[in-house]
Protein backbone atom coordinates (compact mmCIF):
# COMPACT_ATOMS: atom_id res chain seq x y z
CA UNK A 1 109.12 105.50 172.35
CA UNK A 2 107.57 107.76 169.75
CA UNK A 3 110.28 106.81 167.23
CA UNK A 4 109.91 103.12 168.09
CA UNK A 5 106.17 103.29 167.39
CA UNK A 6 106.85 104.93 164.04
CA UNK A 7 109.40 102.26 163.22
CA UNK A 8 106.94 99.47 164.07
CA UNK A 9 104.32 101.13 161.83
CA UNK A 10 106.78 101.28 158.93
CA UNK A 11 107.68 97.61 159.44
CA UNK A 12 104.00 96.65 159.38
CA UNK A 13 103.45 98.59 156.13
CA UNK A 14 106.54 96.94 154.60
CA UNK A 15 105.36 93.42 155.37
CA UNK A 16 101.84 94.28 154.16
CA UNK A 17 103.20 95.42 150.82
CA UNK A 18 105.52 92.43 150.64
CA UNK A 19 102.60 90.05 151.13
CA UNK A 20 100.37 91.91 148.70
CA UNK A 21 99.51 89.44 145.95
CA UNK A 22 100.46 89.86 142.33
CA UNK A 23 96.75 89.93 141.44
CA UNK A 24 96.06 92.79 143.79
CA UNK A 25 99.10 94.71 142.64
CA UNK A 26 98.15 94.39 138.97
CA UNK A 27 94.54 95.17 139.85
CA UNK A 28 95.39 98.65 141.13
CA UNK A 29 97.40 99.51 138.02
CA UNK A 30 95.29 101.85 135.88
CA UNK A 31 96.64 100.36 132.64
CA UNK A 32 95.49 96.82 133.50
CA UNK A 33 92.45 95.93 131.37
CA UNK A 34 92.16 92.33 132.55
CA UNK A 35 93.86 89.68 134.65
CA UNK A 36 94.24 86.11 133.38
CA UNK A 37 95.73 83.68 135.86
CA UNK A 38 97.28 86.66 137.64
CA UNK A 39 98.94 87.97 134.47
CA UNK A 40 97.75 91.39 133.26
CA UNK A 41 96.47 92.31 129.82
CA UNK A 42 97.72 95.89 129.74
CA UNK A 43 96.63 98.91 127.74
CA UNK A 44 99.91 98.66 125.83
CA UNK A 45 99.24 94.98 124.99
CA UNK A 46 95.76 95.88 123.77
CA UNK A 47 96.73 98.97 121.79
CA UNK A 48 99.66 97.25 120.07
CA UNK A 49 97.49 94.33 118.92
CA UNK A 50 94.34 96.33 118.11
CA UNK A 51 96.05 99.02 116.04
CA UNK A 52 97.78 96.43 113.85
CA UNK A 53 94.86 93.99 113.44
CA UNK A 54 91.84 93.59 111.20
CA UNK A 55 88.74 93.01 113.32
CA UNK A 56 84.96 93.27 112.72
CA UNK A 57 83.63 96.77 113.47
CA UNK A 58 87.07 98.35 113.95
CA UNK A 59 86.59 100.74 111.03
CA UNK A 60 83.19 102.03 112.20
CA UNK A 61 83.80 105.01 114.44
CA UNK A 62 80.31 104.93 115.98
CA UNK A 63 80.76 101.30 117.06
CA UNK A 64 84.39 101.66 118.05
CA UNK A 65 83.88 101.01 121.77
CA UNK A 66 81.91 97.85 120.98
CA UNK A 67 84.74 96.67 118.71
CA UNK A 68 87.33 97.48 121.40
CA UNK A 69 85.37 95.57 124.03
CA UNK A 70 84.93 92.56 121.75
CA UNK A 71 88.62 92.65 120.88
CA UNK A 72 89.56 92.63 124.57
CA UNK A 73 87.28 89.63 125.20
CA UNK A 74 88.88 87.85 122.22
CA UNK A 75 92.39 88.60 123.52
CA UNK A 76 91.42 87.12 126.89
CA UNK A 77 89.95 84.06 125.14
CA UNK A 78 93.18 83.52 123.21
CA UNK A 79 95.24 83.73 126.40
CA UNK A 80 92.90 81.35 128.24
CA UNK A 81 93.18 78.76 125.47
CA UNK A 82 96.95 79.23 125.20
CA UNK A 83 97.37 78.68 128.95
CA UNK A 84 95.18 75.59 128.77
CA UNK A 85 97.27 74.19 125.91
CA UNK A 86 100.24 73.96 128.28
CA UNK A 87 98.16 71.77 130.60
CA UNK A 88 96.93 69.42 127.87
CA UNK A 89 98.82 66.55 126.19
CA UNK A 90 99.69 67.58 122.62
CA UNK A 91 98.29 65.31 119.93
CA UNK A 92 101.20 65.66 117.54
CA UNK A 93 99.73 63.24 114.99
CA UNK A 94 96.64 65.41 114.68
CA UNK A 95 98.21 68.85 114.43
CA UNK A 96 100.72 68.79 111.60
CA UNK A 97 102.32 71.63 109.75
CA UNK A 98 101.19 73.53 107.73
CA UNK A 99 98.18 73.84 110.08
CA UNK A 100 100.42 75.89 112.37
CA UNK A 101 101.69 77.97 109.48
CA UNK A 102 98.95 80.57 109.71
CA UNK A 103 100.49 81.59 113.02
CA UNK A 104 103.97 82.12 111.59
CA UNK A 105 104.76 85.81 111.26
CA UNK A 106 105.76 85.39 107.62
CA UNK A 107 103.23 83.66 105.38
CA UNK A 108 105.93 81.98 103.34
CA UNK A 109 106.92 79.71 106.24
CA UNK A 110 103.71 77.78 105.66
CA UNK A 111 105.78 75.56 103.36
CA UNK A 112 107.53 73.92 106.32
CA UNK A 113 107.51 70.08 106.31
CA UNK A 114 104.38 68.24 107.41
CA UNK A 115 106.09 65.13 108.77
CA UNK A 116 107.29 66.46 112.10
CA UNK A 117 105.97 66.05 115.64
CA UNK A 118 107.85 69.13 116.86
CA UNK A 119 105.58 71.77 115.41
CA UNK A 120 105.80 74.18 118.31
CA UNK A 121 109.57 73.94 118.40
CA UNK A 122 109.72 74.79 114.68
CA UNK A 123 107.32 77.69 115.13
CA UNK A 124 109.32 79.04 118.05
CA UNK A 125 112.66 78.62 116.30
CA UNK A 126 111.59 80.26 113.03
CA UNK A 127 109.76 83.11 114.77
CA UNK A 128 112.66 83.71 117.15
CA UNK A 129 115.11 83.84 114.25
CA UNK A 130 113.10 86.64 112.62
CA UNK A 131 112.82 88.73 115.78
CA UNK A 132 116.47 88.14 116.68
CA UNK A 133 117.52 89.89 113.47
CA UNK A 134 115.22 92.78 114.28
CA UNK A 135 116.49 93.04 117.86
CA UNK A 136 120.09 93.03 116.60
CA UNK A 137 119.26 95.85 114.19
CA UNK A 138 117.69 97.91 116.98
CA UNK A 139 120.68 97.34 119.23
CA UNK A 140 123.60 97.98 116.89
CA UNK A 141 122.15 100.14 114.09
CA UNK A 142 119.30 102.34 115.32
CA UNK A 143 121.24 104.10 118.14
CA UNK A 144 123.94 105.18 115.65
CA UNK A 145 121.60 106.76 113.11
CA UNK A 146 121.24 110.48 113.84
CA UNK A 147 119.66 113.23 111.70
CA UNK A 148 121.10 116.75 111.87
CA UNK A 149 119.22 120.03 111.64
CA UNK A 150 121.17 120.93 108.49
CA UNK A 151 120.05 117.71 106.78
CA UNK A 152 116.40 118.45 107.60
CA UNK A 153 116.74 121.99 106.23
CA UNK A 154 118.14 120.63 102.97
CA UNK A 155 115.34 118.03 102.86
CA UNK A 156 112.76 120.82 103.21
CA UNK A 157 114.21 122.50 100.10
CA UNK A 158 114.32 119.24 98.14
CA UNK A 159 110.75 118.29 99.05
CA UNK A 160 109.07 121.29 97.41
CA UNK A 161 108.74 119.81 93.91
CA UNK A 162 108.14 116.70 91.87
CA UNK A 163 110.67 116.56 89.02
CA UNK A 164 109.71 115.42 85.52
CA UNK A 165 112.90 114.18 83.88
CA UNK A 166 114.64 112.61 80.95
CA UNK A 167 117.04 109.86 82.05
CA UNK A 168 119.87 108.81 79.72
CA UNK A 169 121.55 105.46 80.43
CA UNK A 170 125.21 104.56 79.80
CA UNK A 171 127.31 101.41 80.18
CA UNK A 172 130.28 103.30 81.66
CA UNK A 173 131.85 106.63 82.55
CA UNK A 174 133.58 107.24 79.19
CA UNK A 175 130.37 107.30 77.13
CA UNK A 176 128.54 109.16 79.93
CA UNK A 177 131.16 111.92 80.16
CA UNK A 178 131.27 112.29 76.36
CA UNK A 179 127.50 112.76 76.24
CA UNK A 180 127.54 115.21 79.18
CA UNK A 181 130.25 117.41 77.63
CA UNK A 182 128.32 117.61 74.35
CA UNK A 183 124.85 117.99 75.89
CA UNK A 184 125.98 120.77 78.24
CA UNK A 185 127.49 122.73 75.35
CA UNK A 186 125.69 125.52 73.50
CA UNK A 187 125.01 123.59 70.29
CA UNK A 188 123.27 120.54 71.82
CA UNK A 189 121.72 122.31 74.83
CA UNK A 190 118.30 122.26 73.17
CA UNK A 191 119.00 119.27 70.90
CA UNK A 192 119.60 116.59 73.51
CA UNK A 193 117.21 114.05 71.93
CA UNK A 194 118.96 114.39 68.57
CA UNK A 195 122.31 113.84 70.29
CA UNK A 196 121.03 110.77 72.16
CA UNK A 197 119.58 109.25 68.98
CA UNK A 198 122.76 109.87 67.01
CA UNK A 199 124.82 108.13 69.70
CA UNK A 200 122.16 105.40 70.16
CA UNK A 201 121.74 106.20 73.85
CA UNK A 202 118.75 104.63 75.62
CA UNK A 203 116.55 107.14 77.44
CA UNK A 204 113.10 107.43 79.00
CA UNK A 205 110.97 109.83 81.08
CA UNK A 206 110.63 109.72 84.88
CA UNK A 207 108.77 111.54 87.63
CA UNK A 208 110.54 111.59 91.00
CA UNK A 209 109.59 113.19 94.30
CA UNK A 210 111.56 113.53 97.50
CA UNK A 211 112.16 110.23 99.28
CA UNK A 212 111.24 108.11 96.24
CA UNK A 213 114.79 107.35 95.10
CA UNK A 214 117.99 107.72 97.11
CA UNK A 215 120.26 110.51 98.30
CA UNK A 216 122.75 110.12 95.46
CA UNK A 217 120.10 110.60 92.79
CA UNK A 218 118.46 113.49 94.63
CA UNK A 219 121.73 115.38 94.99
CA UNK A 220 122.28 115.02 91.23
CA UNK A 221 119.47 117.42 90.25
CA UNK A 222 117.13 118.31 93.16
CA UNK A 223 116.95 122.05 93.78
CA UNK A 224 117.65 122.93 90.14
CA UNK A 225 115.38 124.47 87.49
CA UNK A 226 113.99 123.05 84.22
CA UNK A 227 116.67 122.64 81.55
CA UNK A 228 119.34 121.60 84.05
CA UNK A 229 121.50 118.62 82.99
CA UNK A 230 123.14 116.60 85.78
CA UNK A 231 126.63 115.18 85.76
CA UNK A 232 126.91 111.39 85.26
CA UNK A 233 125.52 109.62 88.34
CA UNK A 234 126.28 106.02 89.32
CA UNK A 235 122.98 104.20 90.07
CA UNK A 236 121.68 100.66 90.35
CA UNK A 237 120.85 100.91 86.62
CA UNK A 238 124.38 101.96 85.67
CA UNK A 239 125.57 105.46 84.85
CA UNK A 240 122.71 107.92 84.29
CA UNK A 241 122.44 111.57 83.28
CA UNK A 242 119.26 113.43 84.26
CA UNK A 243 117.73 116.40 82.43
CA UNK A 244 114.92 118.33 84.17
CA UNK A 245 111.96 118.90 81.85
CA UNK A 246 109.60 120.54 84.34
CA UNK A 247 108.61 120.73 88.02
CA UNK A 248 105.32 120.65 89.91
CA UNK A 249 104.43 121.14 93.55
CA UNK A 250 104.81 118.09 95.78
CA UNK A 251 101.57 118.37 97.77
CA UNK A 252 102.47 115.47 100.02
CA UNK A 253 105.05 117.68 101.71
CA UNK A 254 104.03 121.25 100.81
CA UNK A 255 100.49 120.82 102.15
CA UNK A 256 101.69 119.44 105.49
CA UNK A 257 102.13 121.55 108.61
CA UNK A 258 105.73 122.58 109.28
CA UNK A 259 106.27 120.13 112.14
CA UNK A 260 104.67 117.25 110.22
CA UNK A 261 106.71 118.05 107.12
CA UNK A 262 109.97 118.09 109.06
CA UNK A 263 109.06 114.80 110.75
CA UNK A 264 108.35 113.14 107.37
CA UNK A 265 111.71 114.36 106.08
CA UNK A 266 113.48 113.20 109.23
CA UNK A 267 112.06 109.69 108.73
CA UNK A 268 113.26 109.59 105.11
CA UNK A 269 116.79 110.61 106.08
CA UNK A 270 116.83 108.30 109.11
CA UNK A 271 115.73 105.33 107.01
CA UNK A 272 118.53 105.96 104.52
CA UNK A 273 121.14 106.26 107.25
CA UNK A 274 119.95 103.08 108.95
CA UNK A 275 120.05 101.24 105.62
CA UNK A 276 123.64 102.35 105.02
CA UNK A 277 124.73 101.45 108.56
CA UNK A 278 122.94 98.10 108.26
CA UNK A 279 124.72 97.32 105.00
CA UNK A 280 128.12 98.17 106.51
CA UNK A 281 127.39 96.05 109.59
CA UNK A 282 126.30 93.15 107.41
CA UNK A 283 129.59 93.35 105.52
CA UNK A 284 131.47 93.13 108.83
CA UNK A 285 129.46 90.08 109.90
CA UNK A 286 130.05 88.29 106.59
CA UNK A 287 133.76 89.22 106.36
CA UNK A 288 135.92 86.12 105.83
CA UNK A 289 132.93 83.81 105.24
CA UNK A 290 133.11 81.80 102.02
CA UNK A 291 129.89 80.23 100.76
CA UNK A 292 129.82 77.35 98.27
CA UNK A 293 126.66 76.48 96.33
CA UNK A 294 125.86 72.89 95.35
CA UNK A 295 125.32 73.43 91.62
CA UNK A 296 124.31 69.79 91.14
CA UNK A 297 121.10 70.80 92.89
CA UNK A 298 120.98 74.48 91.96
CA UNK A 299 120.84 74.07 88.17
CA UNK A 300 118.08 71.40 88.06
CA UNK A 301 116.13 73.45 90.61
CA UNK A 302 116.19 76.51 88.32
CA UNK A 303 114.70 74.51 85.45
CA UNK A 304 112.09 72.89 87.71
CA UNK A 305 110.98 76.30 88.97
CA UNK A 306 110.93 77.61 85.39
CA UNK A 307 108.60 74.77 84.40
CA UNK A 308 106.23 75.52 87.31
CA UNK A 309 106.16 79.31 86.95
CA UNK A 310 105.67 79.13 83.16
CA UNK A 311 102.11 77.88 83.82
CA UNK A 312 101.24 80.98 85.89
CA UNK A 313 99.00 83.72 84.59
CA UNK A 314 100.35 87.14 85.49
CA UNK A 315 97.82 89.12 87.55
CA UNK A 316 97.41 92.83 86.86
CA UNK A 317 97.77 93.64 90.58
CA UNK A 318 100.88 91.50 91.05
CA UNK A 319 103.76 91.84 88.59
CA UNK A 320 105.97 89.24 90.33
CA UNK A 321 105.81 85.45 90.29
CA UNK A 322 105.54 83.36 93.45
CA UNK A 323 105.76 79.64 94.12
CA UNK A 324 102.55 78.38 95.70
CA UNK A 325 102.50 76.06 98.67
CA UNK A 326 101.51 73.15 96.44
CA UNK A 327 104.34 73.92 94.03
CA UNK A 328 106.82 74.06 96.89
CA UNK A 329 105.53 70.67 98.06
CA UNK A 330 105.90 69.34 94.51
CA UNK A 331 109.55 70.44 94.44
CA UNK A 332 110.13 68.50 97.66
CA UNK A 333 108.57 65.43 96.08
CA UNK A 334 110.71 65.79 92.95
CA UNK A 335 113.91 66.13 94.98
CA UNK A 336 112.89 63.95 97.95
CA UNK A 337 116.16 61.98 97.86
CA UNK A 338 118.26 65.15 97.96
CA UNK A 339 116.46 67.12 100.66
CA UNK A 340 119.01 66.33 103.36
CA UNK A 341 122.01 67.10 101.15
CA UNK A 342 123.86 70.39 101.74
CA UNK A 343 122.75 73.15 99.37
CA UNK A 344 125.03 75.81 100.87
CA UNK A 345 128.34 75.22 102.66
CA UNK A 346 130.31 77.83 104.60
CA UNK A 347 132.86 78.15 107.37
CA UNK A 348 131.69 75.90 110.19
CA UNK A 349 128.26 75.01 108.87
CA UNK A 350 125.82 74.27 106.06
CA UNK A 351 122.19 74.75 105.01
CA UNK A 352 120.40 71.72 103.60
CA UNK A 353 118.28 71.64 100.46
CA UNK A 354 115.21 71.13 102.69
CA UNK A 355 116.04 74.30 104.62
CA UNK A 356 116.41 76.23 101.37
CA UNK A 357 113.03 75.09 100.03
CA UNK A 358 111.34 75.81 103.36
CA UNK A 359 112.75 79.32 103.45
CA UNK A 360 112.64 80.18 99.76
CA UNK A 361 109.44 82.27 99.96
CA UNK A 362 110.66 83.94 103.18
CA UNK A 363 113.79 85.09 101.41
CA UNK A 364 111.90 87.22 98.90
CA UNK A 365 112.02 84.80 95.96
CA UNK A 366 109.76 86.56 93.45
CA UNK A 367 111.16 86.74 89.89
CA UNK A 368 109.67 89.43 87.65
CA UNK A 369 109.42 87.02 84.72
CA UNK A 370 109.78 83.28 84.04
CA UNK A 371 112.98 83.32 82.01
CA UNK A 372 115.93 81.14 83.07
CA UNK A 373 118.26 84.15 83.67
CA UNK A 374 115.69 85.95 85.86
CA UNK A 375 114.93 82.81 87.92
CA UNK A 376 118.69 82.19 88.31
CA UNK A 377 119.25 85.77 89.49
CA UNK A 378 116.29 85.70 91.91
CA UNK A 379 117.35 82.33 93.34
CA UNK A 380 120.93 83.55 93.85
CA UNK A 381 119.63 86.63 95.64
CA UNK A 382 117.42 84.49 97.89
CA UNK A 383 120.27 82.14 98.81
CA UNK A 384 122.43 85.13 99.71
CA UNK A 385 119.62 86.47 101.90
CA UNK A 386 119.30 83.11 103.72
CA UNK A 387 123.02 82.93 104.50
CA UNK A 388 123.08 86.52 105.74
CA UNK A 389 120.10 85.91 108.00
CA UNK A 390 121.70 82.76 109.38
CA UNK A 391 124.82 84.67 110.45
CA UNK A 392 122.87 87.69 111.72
CA UNK A 393 120.78 85.42 113.97
CA UNK A 394 123.99 83.72 115.11
CA UNK A 395 125.50 87.12 116.00
CA UNK A 396 122.31 88.05 117.88
CA UNK A 397 122.54 84.84 119.90
CA UNK A 398 126.14 85.66 120.76
CA UNK A 399 124.87 88.96 122.19
CA UNK A 400 122.26 87.01 124.22
CA UNK A 401 119.38 88.84 122.49
CA UNK A 402 117.24 85.69 122.57
CA UNK A 403 116.67 86.53 126.24
CA UNK A 404 115.68 90.15 125.59
CA UNK A 405 112.18 91.21 126.61
CA UNK A 406 111.35 92.37 123.09
CA UNK A 407 112.16 89.02 121.46
CA UNK A 408 110.42 87.02 124.18
CA UNK A 409 107.27 89.18 123.95
CA UNK A 410 106.94 88.87 120.18
CA UNK A 411 107.68 85.15 120.08
CA UNK A 412 105.21 84.52 122.91
CA UNK A 413 102.47 86.43 121.05
CA UNK A 414 102.73 84.13 118.04
CA UNK A 415 103.04 81.00 120.20
CA UNK A 416 99.88 81.95 122.10
CA UNK A 417 97.94 82.32 118.84
CA UNK A 418 99.12 78.88 117.74
CA UNK A 419 98.32 77.17 121.04
CA UNK A 420 94.90 78.82 121.29
CA UNK A 421 93.96 77.63 117.82
CA UNK A 422 94.93 74.04 118.65
CA UNK A 423 92.77 73.93 121.78
CA UNK A 424 89.79 75.63 120.10
CA UNK A 425 89.93 73.11 117.24
CA UNK A 426 90.20 70.18 119.64
CA UNK A 427 87.16 71.34 121.61
CA UNK A 428 84.91 72.14 118.64
CA UNK A 429 85.91 69.03 116.65
CA UNK A 430 84.07 66.95 119.23
CA UNK A 431 80.70 68.46 118.26
CA UNK A 432 78.34 66.09 116.44
CA UNK A 433 74.57 66.05 116.03
CA UNK A 434 72.15 63.20 115.38
CA UNK A 435 69.40 63.16 112.77
CA UNK A 436 66.76 63.28 115.55
CA UNK A 437 68.41 66.44 116.93
CA UNK A 438 68.43 68.02 113.48
CA UNK A 439 64.75 67.19 112.89
CA UNK A 440 63.86 68.57 116.30
CA UNK A 441 65.85 71.74 115.63
CA UNK A 442 64.12 72.15 112.26
CA UNK A 443 60.70 71.75 113.85
CA UNK A 444 61.43 74.24 116.62
CA UNK A 445 63.24 76.79 114.41
CA UNK A 446 61.51 76.29 111.07
CA UNK A 447 61.16 80.00 110.31
CA UNK A 448 64.78 80.67 111.26
CA UNK A 449 66.01 77.82 109.04
CA UNK A 450 63.92 78.86 106.05
CA UNK A 451 65.12 82.45 106.47
CA UNK A 452 68.77 81.51 106.75
CA UNK A 453 70.79 84.67 106.03
CA UNK A 454 72.30 84.69 102.56
CA UNK A 455 75.40 86.75 101.87
CA UNK A 456 76.47 88.11 98.53
CA UNK A 457 80.23 87.98 98.71
CA UNK A 458 83.29 88.72 96.69
CA UNK A 459 85.89 86.18 97.81
CA UNK A 460 89.55 86.77 97.00
CA UNK A 461 92.17 84.08 97.68
CA UNK A 462 95.94 84.52 97.64
CA UNK A 463 99.07 82.46 98.02
CA UNK A 464 100.89 85.16 99.98
CA UNK A 465 100.21 88.22 102.09
CA UNK A 466 101.82 90.66 99.66
CA UNK A 467 99.13 89.92 97.08
CA UNK A 468 96.42 90.05 99.77
CA UNK A 469 97.66 93.43 101.03
CA UNK A 470 97.58 95.02 97.57
CA UNK A 471 94.00 93.91 96.85
CA UNK A 472 92.90 94.80 100.39
CA UNK A 473 94.20 98.35 99.96
CA UNK A 474 92.44 98.57 96.60
CA UNK A 475 89.15 97.42 98.16
CA UNK A 476 89.54 99.92 101.01
CA UNK A 477 89.63 102.75 98.47
CA UNK A 478 86.37 101.61 96.86
CA UNK A 479 83.15 103.25 97.98
CA UNK A 480 80.85 101.04 100.03
CA UNK A 481 78.28 101.62 97.28
CA UNK A 482 80.67 100.63 94.48
CA UNK A 483 79.04 98.74 91.62
CA UNK A 484 82.03 96.43 91.18
CA UNK A 485 80.58 92.93 91.69
CA UNK A 486 83.17 90.89 89.79
CA UNK A 487 83.00 87.23 90.81
CA UNK A 488 80.25 87.81 93.39
CA UNK A 489 78.41 84.75 94.74
CA UNK A 490 75.47 84.16 97.09
CA UNK A 491 76.24 81.87 100.05
CA UNK A 492 74.26 80.88 103.09
CA UNK A 493 75.90 82.09 106.31
CA UNK A 494 75.35 78.66 107.85
CA UNK A 495 77.52 77.08 105.15
CA UNK A 496 80.50 78.98 106.54
CA UNK A 497 79.94 77.79 110.13
CA UNK A 498 81.52 80.14 112.72
CA UNK A 499 82.97 82.36 110.01
CA UNK A 500 79.47 82.77 108.58
CA UNK A 501 78.25 84.07 111.93
CA UNK A 502 81.02 86.71 111.88
CA UNK A 503 80.29 87.77 108.28
CA UNK A 504 76.52 87.91 108.90
CA UNK A 505 77.09 90.57 111.56
CA UNK A 506 79.03 92.88 109.22
CA UNK A 507 77.44 95.71 107.28
CA UNK A 508 77.10 96.01 103.52
CA UNK A 509 80.39 97.11 101.99
CA UNK A 510 82.48 95.74 104.88
CA UNK A 511 85.75 93.94 104.21
CA UNK A 512 86.98 91.07 106.38
CA UNK A 513 90.33 89.34 106.16
CA UNK A 514 92.77 88.18 105.20
CA UNK A 515 92.29 84.97 107.17
CA UNK A 516 94.03 81.65 106.58
CA UNK A 517 91.63 79.06 105.07
CA UNK A 518 92.72 75.75 103.54
CA UNK A 519 96.28 76.87 102.93
CA UNK A 520 95.45 80.24 101.37
CA UNK A 521 94.81 83.80 102.53
CA UNK A 522 91.20 84.82 101.98
CA UNK A 523 89.53 88.26 101.94
CA UNK A 524 85.74 88.69 101.96
CA UNK A 525 83.80 91.74 100.77
CA UNK A 526 80.13 91.83 101.79
CA UNK A 527 78.09 93.20 98.90
CA UNK A 528 74.61 92.42 100.17
CA UNK A 529 72.58 90.38 102.64
CA UNK A 530 69.10 88.92 102.44
CA UNK A 531 66.88 86.74 104.58
CA UNK A 532 63.76 85.58 102.79
CA UNK A 533 61.68 82.42 102.63
CA UNK A 534 63.52 79.63 100.86
CA UNK A 535 61.74 77.77 98.08
CA UNK A 536 64.19 74.88 98.02
CA UNK A 537 63.12 71.31 98.67
CA UNK A 538 62.57 70.25 102.24
CA UNK A 539 65.65 67.99 102.15
CA UNK A 540 67.77 71.07 101.46
CA UNK A 541 66.20 72.83 104.43
CA UNK A 542 67.11 69.88 106.63
CA UNK A 543 70.74 70.29 105.52
CA UNK A 544 70.52 73.99 106.38
CA UNK A 545 69.18 73.03 109.79
CA UNK A 546 72.09 70.65 110.35
CA UNK A 547 74.65 73.32 109.34
CA UNK A 548 73.02 75.86 111.64
CA UNK A 549 72.76 73.44 114.57
CA UNK A 550 76.39 72.29 114.28
CA UNK A 551 77.63 75.90 114.06
CA UNK A 552 75.47 76.89 117.02
CA UNK A 553 76.64 73.93 119.09
CA UNK A 554 80.28 74.64 118.31
CA UNK A 555 79.90 78.25 119.45
CA UNK A 556 78.07 77.18 122.61
CA UNK A 557 80.58 74.46 123.47
CA UNK A 558 83.56 76.77 123.00
CA UNK A 559 81.94 79.70 124.82
CA UNK A 560 81.01 77.55 127.83
CA UNK A 561 84.49 76.03 127.81
CA UNK A 562 86.04 79.52 127.78
CA UNK A 563 83.78 80.62 130.63
CA UNK A 564 84.91 77.64 132.73
CA UNK A 565 88.55 78.39 131.93
CA UNK A 566 87.98 82.02 132.93
CA UNK A 567 86.68 80.87 136.31
CA UNK A 568 89.58 78.45 136.82
CA UNK A 569 92.15 81.03 135.78
CA UNK A 570 90.55 83.70 137.99
CA UNK A 571 89.85 86.18 135.18
CA UNK A 572 89.00 89.76 136.14
CA UNK A 573 88.03 92.37 133.57
CA UNK A 574 88.01 96.18 133.75
CA UNK A 575 86.08 97.18 130.59
CA UNK A 576 85.53 100.81 131.67
CA UNK A 577 89.29 101.42 131.39
CA UNK A 578 89.01 100.82 127.64
CA UNK A 579 87.67 104.34 127.19
CA UNK A 580 91.12 105.63 128.21
CA UNK A 581 92.85 103.65 125.45
CA UNK A 582 93.02 105.85 122.36
CA UNK A 583 93.05 103.89 119.10
CA UNK A 584 92.75 104.59 115.37
CA UNK A 585 89.48 103.34 113.77
CA UNK A 586 91.07 102.12 110.53
CA UNK A 587 90.94 98.60 109.11
CA UNK A 588 94.36 97.92 107.65
CA UNK A 589 96.56 94.89 107.06
CA UNK A 590 99.80 95.99 108.67
CA UNK A 591 103.30 94.70 108.05
CA UNK A 592 106.33 95.10 110.25
CA UNK A 593 109.58 95.76 108.42
CA UNK A 594 112.41 93.75 109.92
CA UNK A 595 115.91 95.10 110.38
CA UNK A 596 118.40 93.97 107.70
CA UNK A 597 115.56 93.32 105.22
CA UNK A 598 112.23 91.54 104.93
CA UNK A 599 108.79 92.08 106.40
CA UNK A 600 106.28 90.09 108.41
CA UNK A 601 102.62 90.42 109.29
CA UNK A 602 102.75 92.72 112.31
CA UNK A 603 100.63 90.64 114.70
CA UNK A 604 98.88 87.25 114.49
CA UNK A 605 95.25 87.29 113.37
CA UNK A 606 92.84 87.42 116.32
CA UNK A 607 89.67 85.39 115.72
CA UNK A 608 86.51 86.89 117.33
CA UNK A 609 85.63 84.94 120.48
CA UNK A 610 83.40 87.33 122.40
CA UNK A 611 80.20 85.60 123.51
CA UNK A 612 81.79 83.49 126.25
CA UNK A 613 81.43 86.60 128.37
CA UNK A 614 77.66 86.02 128.67
CA UNK A 615 78.27 82.77 130.53
CA UNK A 616 81.13 84.22 132.55
CA UNK A 617 79.15 87.25 133.77
CA UNK A 618 77.19 84.96 136.04
CA UNK A 619 80.35 84.55 138.14
CA UNK A 620 80.43 88.37 138.57
CA UNK A 621 84.08 88.81 137.68
CA UNK A 622 83.41 91.87 135.52
CA UNK A 623 84.60 94.88 137.51
CA UNK A 624 83.20 98.34 136.64
């Protein structure tokens, strides 16, 4: 009887646990920061997104908890809006590409066609294709790359110095060997320059540290003393002979703790091994595949691109040339009758001219000059990259990687950002104010209107994220008190609507962006703020009042809408658990390098939507 009673107790416990709801189960998990419609926002979700994002206040260590809390509220808001998008009829005539392009993981995909009513399908397909390649790389390449203890020990020796060198370039092995035999002899040992000049050998000076070249080059001279002359080495620039002029300490490695130094070296070696394995795997995938280029399109395209790029002014911070979105659109207009023709044909398939133009920026098309040969070379390289990616994605599908958790998670993250933006725009686009409302607002808030916050801003706009990242890193290195005010302008915060409200909250010297505005990536640097009595005409003040009222109404409408969604979707929040999530307080635009080549923005931009929580708190769903 005793055992029977115990058995009955166990059965009761089993059925209790079986009937325990998903909400309650997630609720007791210590890493659950919030529940949205029964689905948890975990610490891992939060940390992954926060660490890789740019967000107001993230870089201020004393306000870090406030930034974390606001970021969590904004993540919940995005998920609420994304869930609601699935319940709403999609207005496909209203939301055309490239409006969705800011949610694509690679900025270059913003050149996708604007005449489609299948925007979400395109977004999902293009995003999935990128993450499929990465998943394939992690499955078939990463597990095979191993670093030995002996390799790390050799790396430690190689990492001690920077090497200042002479590099002598040769068209082939015969001339290289002749030079080496003479230069290594007693007579020319100290007369190498004279020998090079007499033989008309091109040479220049280099400075190379460990990990900055490749293993072949490092093994040619690393570990040797000044005066050493290497044997001819086959490089990407042809055959090269190196002569060590001098050495200096490599502080990047020598100043690091032993464990950190070995880990840095391990990463260098691992990266090289993965690259080699990836190249070999790619060759196996492409084996037996013959690709034919439609030169009736290719040649005119080269000259059209040459004509467009020849009008560009080279920027000091960006040595390469890129096609802008408008220029890509212009190419489609020029070749509108040929867009559906095959540009590339191969065994069992083809890629159309439209596909090539859509994916041209994604494929790394960035010639270093505007000459016909350079554009031809860069275009050929891009076409090769497109074909390789096509077959890599195909191989990944054959391995069923499209159903892997990693691919699904990453694709869903970008889809959620897209859907949330659609719903937010649809809700706020309904906001309008009458003249009587504006006059009333002006009367009631006259002092506030006349003291509208003005922001002194440096505004940088870019066609692609690579340019944005370089300038952003440069701005990060500037002191907050830097006197650099190039291109600075004063703007009223109300002119920038919701964005103005975000910028007005930031401190002097803060940097915000890049964010996608009117087809370009924009970075703001706040130089100064002021709020003093305006001396403009009263009609101008009325316009200010209208801008402020519309912006205020939009925020209120969206915040109340989010609060209602939170109630409907049974949101529960555990903000105190945020203190257990350790994050790095650094503002940084972060890229994710994709297996087999290429890079994407690591996570979609999260727009600050925090104040809905004030309305939601009344429902008492915040749990301490």
